[in-house]
Amino acid sequence: MTRDTSAPCPWEHIEPDGSNLTVEDFLSVHIVRIAAHLKSFPAVYARGIGLTLPQWRLLSTVAHHKSIPLKQLAEVSASDKALVSRTVKELVQKDLVKTASMKSGDRSLACNITPMGKKLVDTAMPLARMFHARLLLSLDTEDRVRLYDILQKLQAVCTEQD
């Protein structure tokens, strides 16, 4: 869906108190709509390899890092700790990842990819990359760079407010 350019952009002039924004103008509404569509992308390749979306998200993240502390896995995957804990247990049961203490006597755990987990990710990742490339390539190079920069700025502001 493209914006009707004959209608004025509701973000062109924003009052400091936001009084001229409607709920439909909120950035979060636009991002949630996009996120809902993006969630359907992994469903195609996750189901194809017998995983749920949370399992795919964590498995692919662990595969990228090869070994990652569980706390960092929650942060990097933008998942809550309870979901990460449950999902990692499921992946361990499937022999796709394993957990180990980070240091002797340390209670913190790292999550490591297993050979079977790596093989599964290697099977699905080409399709995942293709889906995301197709979406990004719908924008020209300048728009992609600008979007990336904007998302980085917004993420920094959100992080500061946490």
C-alpha atoms as a PDB file:
ATOM      1  CA  MET A   1       0.000   0.000   0.000  1.00  0.00           C
ATOM      2  CA  THR A   2       1.521   3.306  -1.019  1.00  0.00           C
ATOM      3  CA  ARG A   3       0.639   6.670   0.427  1.00  0.00           C
ATOM      4  CA  ASP A   4      -1.808   8.833  -1.477  1.00  0.00           C
ATOM      5  CA  THR A   5       0.567  11.683  -2.302  1.00  0.00           C
ATOM      6  CA  SER A   6      -2.342  14.014  -3.068  1.00  0.00           C
ATOM      7  CA  ALA A   7      -3.212  13.916   0.644  1.00  0.00           C
ATOM      8  CA  PRO A   8      -0.893  15.821   2.971  1.00  0.00           C
ATOM      9  CA  CYS A   9       1.533  13.796   5.071  1.00  0.00           C
ATOM     10  CA  PRO A  10       0.217  13.825   8.645  1.00  0.00           C
ATOM     11  CA  TRP A  11       3.794  13.929   9.925  1.00  0.00           C
ATOM     12  CA  GLU A  12       4.874  16.983   7.963  1.00  0.00           C
ATOM     13  CA  HIS A  13       3.826  19.401  10.729  1.00  0.00           C
ATOM     14  CA  ILE A  14       3.511  17.840  14.173  1.00  0.00           C
ATOM     15  CA  GLU A  15       2.591  19.864  17.246  1.00  0.00           C
ATOM     16  CA  PRO A  16       5.084  19.358  20.104  1.00  0.00           C
ATOM     17  CA  ASP A  17       2.305  17.868  22.237  1.00  0.00           C
ATOM     18  CA  GLY A  18       1.108  15.659  19.362  1.00  0.00           C
ATOM     19  CA  SER A  19      -2.406  17.141  19.544  1.00  0.00           C
ATOM     20  CA  ASN A  20      -2.794  17.037  15.764  1.00  0.00           C
ATOM     21  CA  LEU A  21      -2.016  13.302  15.487  1.00  0.00           C
ATOM     22  CA  THR A  22      -4.784  10.723  15.248  1.00  0.00           C
ATOM     23  CA  VAL A  23      -4.285   7.168  16.447  1.00  0.00           C
ATOM     24  CA  GLU A  24      -3.863   6.104  12.814  1.00  0.00           C
ATOM     25  CA  ASP A  25      -0.993   8.610  12.512  1.00  0.00           C
ATOM     26  CA  PHE A  26       1.007   7.053  15.373  1.00  0.00           C
ATOM     27  CA  LEU A  27       4.331   5.592  14.283  1.00  0.00           C
ATOM     28  CA  SER A  28       3.637   2.506  16.393  1.00  0.00           C
ATOM     29  CA  VAL A  29       0.480   1.760  14.378  1.00  0.00           C
ATOM     30  CA  HIS A  30       2.429   1.803  11.108  1.00  0.00           C
ATOM     31  CA  ILE A  31       5.252  -0.303  12.531  1.00  0.00           C
ATOM     32  CA  VAL A  32       2.850  -2.856  14.051  1.00  0.00           C
ATOM     33  CA  ARG A  33       1.092  -3.234  10.689  1.00  0.00           C
ATOM     34  CA  ILE A  34       4.405  -3.844   8.940  1.00  0.00           C
ATOM     35  CA  ALA A  35       5.544  -6.180  11.720  1.00  0.00           C
ATOM     36  CA  ALA A  36       2.370  -8.237  11.340  1.00  0.00           C
ATOM     37  CA  HIS A  37       3.206  -8.802   7.675  1.00  0.00           C
ATOM     38  CA  LEU A  38       6.861  -9.499   8.426  1.00  0.00           C
ATOM     39  CA  LYS A  39       5.863 -12.173  10.941  1.00  0.00           C
ATOM     40  CA  SER A  40       4.267 -14.130   8.117  1.00  0.00           C
ATOM     41  CA  PHE A  41       7.582 -14.334   6.208  1.00  0.00           C
ATOM     42  CA  PRO A  42       9.285 -16.735   8.629  1.00  0.00           C
ATOM     43  CA  ALA A  43       6.166 -18.879   8.846  1.00  0.00           C
ATOM     44  CA  VAL A  44       6.872 -20.147   5.332  1.00  0.00           C
ATOM     45  CA  TYR A  45      10.393 -21.341   5.993  1.00  0.00           C
ATOM     46  CA  ALA A  46       9.943 -22.184   9.700  1.00  0.00           C
ATOM     47  CA  ARG A  47       7.058 -24.556   8.999  1.00  0.00           C
ATOM     48  CA  GLY A  48       9.039 -26.080   6.156  1.00  0.00           C
ATOM     49  CA  ILE A  49      11.675 -27.227   8.634  1.00  0.00           C
ATOM     50  CA  GLY A  50       9.239 -28.112  11.431  1.00  0.00           C
ATOM     51  CA  LEU A  51       9.790 -25.124  13.712  1.00  0.00           C
ATOM     52  CA  THR A  52       7.578 -22.516  15.317  1.00  0.00           C
ATOM     53  CA  LEU A  53       8.323 -18.830  14.684  1.00  0.00           C
ATOM     54  CA  PRO A  54       9.996 -18.321  18.094  1.00  0.00           C
ATOM     55  CA  GLN A  55      12.084 -21.459  17.528  1.00  0.00           C
ATOM     56  CA  TRP A  56      13.204 -20.232  14.101  1.00  0.00           C
ATOM     57  CA  ARG A  57      14.003 -16.737  15.386  1.00  0.00           C
ATOM     58  CA  LEU A  58      16.182 -18.068  18.195  1.00  0.00           C
ATOM     59  CA  LEU A  59      17.782 -20.878  16.200  1.00  0.00           C
ATOM     60  CA  SER A  60      18.776 -18.542  13.374  1.00  0.00           C
ATOM     61  CA  THR A  61      20.141 -16.018  15.893  1.00  0.00           C
ATOM     62  CA  VAL A  62      22.197 -18.687  17.664  1.00  0.00           C
ATOM     63  CA  ALA A  63      23.448 -19.959  14.297  1.00  0.00           C
ATOM     64  CA  HIS A  64      24.563 -16.449  13.367  1.00  0.00           C
ATOM     65  CA  HIS A  65      26.497 -16.051  16.637  1.00  0.00           C
ATOM     66  CA  LYS A  66      27.458 -19.745  16.948  1.00  0.00           C
ATOM     67  CA  SER A  67      27.542 -19.218  20.727  1.00  0.00           C
ATOM     68  CA  ILE A  68      25.617 -16.538  22.594  1.00  0.00           C
ATOM     69  CA  PRO A  69      24.793 -15.900  26.269  1.00  0.00           C
ATOM     70  CA  LEU A  70      21.093 -16.499  26.959  1.00  0.00           C
ATOM     71  CA  LYS A  71      20.681 -12.941  28.275  1.00  0.00           C
ATOM     72  CA  GLN A  72      22.124 -11.536  25.048  1.00  0.00           C
ATOM     73  CA  LEU A  73      19.961 -13.926  23.003  1.00  0.00           C
ATOM     74  CA  ALA A  74      16.855 -12.357  24.535  1.00  0.00           C
ATOM     75  CA  GLU A  75      18.120  -8.856  23.720  1.00  0.00           C
ATOM     76  CA  VAL A  76      19.280  -9.606  20.175  1.00  0.00           C
ATOM     77  CA  SER A  77      16.115 -11.487  19.227  1.00  0.00           C
ATOM     78  CA  ALA A  78      13.843  -8.867  20.868  1.00  0.00           C
ATOM     79  CA  SER A  79      12.166 -11.644  22.867  1.00  0.00           C
ATOM     80  CA  ASP A  80      11.285 -11.745  26.537  1.00  0.00           C
ATOM     81  CA  LYS A  81      13.442 -13.896  28.806  1.00  0.00           C
ATOM     82  CA  ALA A  82      10.659 -16.352  29.644  1.00  0.00           C
ATOM     83  CA  LEU A  83       9.963 -17.038  25.958  1.00  0.00           C
ATOM     84  CA  VAL A  84      13.690 -17.453  25.294  1.00  0.00           C
ATOM     85  CA  SER A  85      14.034 -19.872  28.186  1.00  0.00           C
ATOM     86  CA  ARG A  86      11.079 -22.025  27.043  1.00  0.00           C
ATOM     87  CA  THR A  87      12.090 -21.936  23.396  1.00  0.00           C
ATOM     88  CA  VAL A  88      15.719 -22.800  24.093  1.00  0.00           C
ATOM     89  CA  LYS A  89      14.523 -25.823  26.119  1.00  0.00           C
ATOM     90  CA  GLU A  90      12.460 -26.926  23.106  1.00  0.00           C
ATOM     91  CA  LEU A  91      15.449 -26.471  20.785  1.00  0.00           C
ATOM     92  CA  VAL A  92      17.674 -28.440  23.192  1.00  0.00           C
ATOM     93  CA  GLN A  93      15.106 -31.276  23.170  1.00  0.00           C
ATOM     94  CA  LYS A  94      15.236 -31.279  19.361  1.00  0.00           C
ATOM     95  CA  ASP A  95      19.080 -31.358  19.547  1.00  0.00           C
ATOM     96  CA  LEU A  96      19.312 -28.115  17.568  1.00  0.00           C
ATOM     97  CA  VAL A  97      21.139 -26.155  20.278  1.00  0.00           C
ATOM     98  CA  LYS A  98      22.902 -26.975  23.509  1.00  0.00           C
ATOM     99  CA  THR A  99      23.516 -24.878  26.588  1.00  0.00           C
ATOM    100  CA  ALA A 100      26.642 -24.729  28.673  1.00  0.00           C
ATOM    101  CA  SER A 101      27.997 -22.668  31.533  1.00  0.00           C
ATOM    102  CA  MET A 102      29.931 -19.707  30.269  1.00  0.00           C
ATOM    103  CA  LYS A 103      32.678 -20.095  32.883  1.00  0.00           C
ATOM    104  CA  SER A 104      33.464 -22.647  35.545  1.00  0.00           C
ATOM    105  CA  GLY A 105      31.256 -21.965  38.564  1.00  0.00           C
ATOM    106  CA  ASP A 106      29.257 -19.348  36.661  1.00  0.00           C
ATOM    107  CA  ARG A 107      25.476 -19.760  36.629  1.00  0.00           C
ATOM    108  CA  SER A 108      25.021 -17.883  33.341  1.00  0.00           C
ATOM    109  CA  LEU A 109      24.492 -20.040  30.309  1.00  0.00           C
ATOM    110  CA  ALA A 110      25.516 -19.726  26.698  1.00  0.00           C
ATOM    111  CA  CYS A 111      23.506 -21.226  23.880  1.00  0.00           C
ATOM    112  CA  ASN A 112      25.452 -23.017  21.139  1.00  0.00           C
ATOM    113  CA  ILE A 113      24.351 -24.289  17.745  1.00  0.00           C
ATOM    114  CA  THR A 114      24.610 -28.040  17.157  1.00  0.00           C
ATOM    115  CA  PRO A 115      25.547 -29.596  13.812  1.00  0.00           C
ATOM    116  CA  MET A 116      21.907 -30.610  13.312  1.00  0.00           C
ATOM    117  CA  GLY A 117      20.766 -27.046  14.113  1.00  0.00           C
ATOM    118  CA  LYS A 118      23.300 -25.599  11.678  1.00  0.00           C
ATOM    119  CA  LYS A 119      22.108 -27.955   8.944  1.00  0.00           C
ATOM    120  CA  LEU A 120      18.496 -26.884   9.499  1.00  0.00           C
ATOM    121  CA  VAL A 121      19.396 -23.180   9.373  1.00  0.00           C
ATOM    122  CA  ASP A 122      21.507 -23.733   6.257  1.00  0.00           C
ATOM    123  CA  THR A 123      18.434 -25.311   4.632  1.00  0.00           C
ATOM    124  CA  ALA A 124      16.030 -22.458   5.458  1.00  0.00           C
ATOM    125  CA  MET A 125      18.303 -19.398   5.355  1.00  0.00           C
ATOM    126  CA  PRO A 126      18.456 -19.027   1.547  1.00  0.00           C
ATOM    127  CA  LEU A 127      14.659 -18.713   1.425  1.00  0.00           C
ATOM    128  CA  ALA A 128      14.681 -16.305   4.381  1.00  0.00           C
ATOM    129  CA  ARG A 129      17.303 -14.124   2.707  1.00  0.00           C
ATOM    130  CA  MET A 130      15.360 -14.148  -0.559  1.00  0.00           C
ATOM    131  CA  PHE A 131      12.127 -12.993   1.128  1.00  0.00           C
ATOM    132  CA  HIS A 132      13.869 -10.141   2.925  1.00  0.00           C
ATOM    133  CA  ALA A 133      15.924  -9.129  -0.094  1.00  0.00           C
ATOM    134  CA  ARG A 134      12.770  -8.976  -2.215  1.00  0.00           C
ATOM    135  CA  LEU A 135      11.116  -6.686   0.337  1.00  0.00           C
ATOM    136  CA  LEU A 136      14.149  -4.400   0.665  1.00  0.00           C
ATOM    137  CA  LEU A 137      14.705  -4.294  -3.085  1.00  0.00           C
ATOM    138  CA  SER A 138      11.206  -2.847  -3.491  1.00  0.00           C
ATOM    139  CA  LEU A 139      12.896   0.361  -2.311  1.00  0.00           C
ATOM    140  CA  ASP A 140      15.612   2.122  -4.275  1.00  0.00           C
ATOM    141  CA  THR A 141      19.107   2.248  -2.774  1.00  0.00           C
ATOM    142  CA  GLU A 142      18.705   5.771  -1.412  1.00  0.00           C
ATOM    143  CA  ASP A 143      15.435   4.858   0.338  1.00  0.00           C
ATOM    144  CA  ARG A 144      16.945   1.668   1.794  1.00  0.00           C
ATOM    145  CA  VAL A 145      19.888   3.602   3.251  1.00  0.00           C
ATOM    146  CA  ARG A 146      17.587   6.338   4.550  1.00  0.00           C
ATOM    147  CA  LEU A 147      15.198   3.764   6.076  1.00  0.00           C
ATOM    148  CA  TYR A 148      18.077   1.969   7.784  1.00  0.00           C
ATOM    149  CA  ASP A 149      19.392   5.245   9.210  1.00  0.00           C
ATOM    150  CA  ILE A 150      15.919   6.278  10.377  1.00  0.00           C
ATOM    151  CA  LEU A 151      15.311   2.930  12.070  1.00  0.00           C
ATOM    152  CA  GLN A 152      18.689   3.194  13.827  1.00  0.00           C
ATOM    153  CA  LYS A 153      17.798   6.685  15.105  1.00  0.00           C
ATOM    154  CA  LEU A 154      14.374   5.570  16.306  1.00  0.00           C
ATOM    155  CA  GLN A 155      15.849   2.516  17.994  1.00  0.00           C
ATOM    156  CA  ALA A 156      18.387   4.713  19.805  1.00  0.00           C
ATOM    157  CA  VAL A 157      15.638   7.067  21.036  1.00  0.00           C
ATOM    158  CA  CYS A 158      13.548   4.114  22.241  1.00  0.00           C
ATOM    159  CA  THR A 159      16.563   2.607  24.015  1.00  0.00           C
ATOM    160  CA  GLU A 160      17.270   5.917  25.756  1.00  0.00           C
ATOM    161  CA  GLN A 161      13.700   6.034  27.036  1.00  0.00           C
ATOM    162  CA  ASP A 162      13.798   2.493  28.483  1.00  0.00           C
END
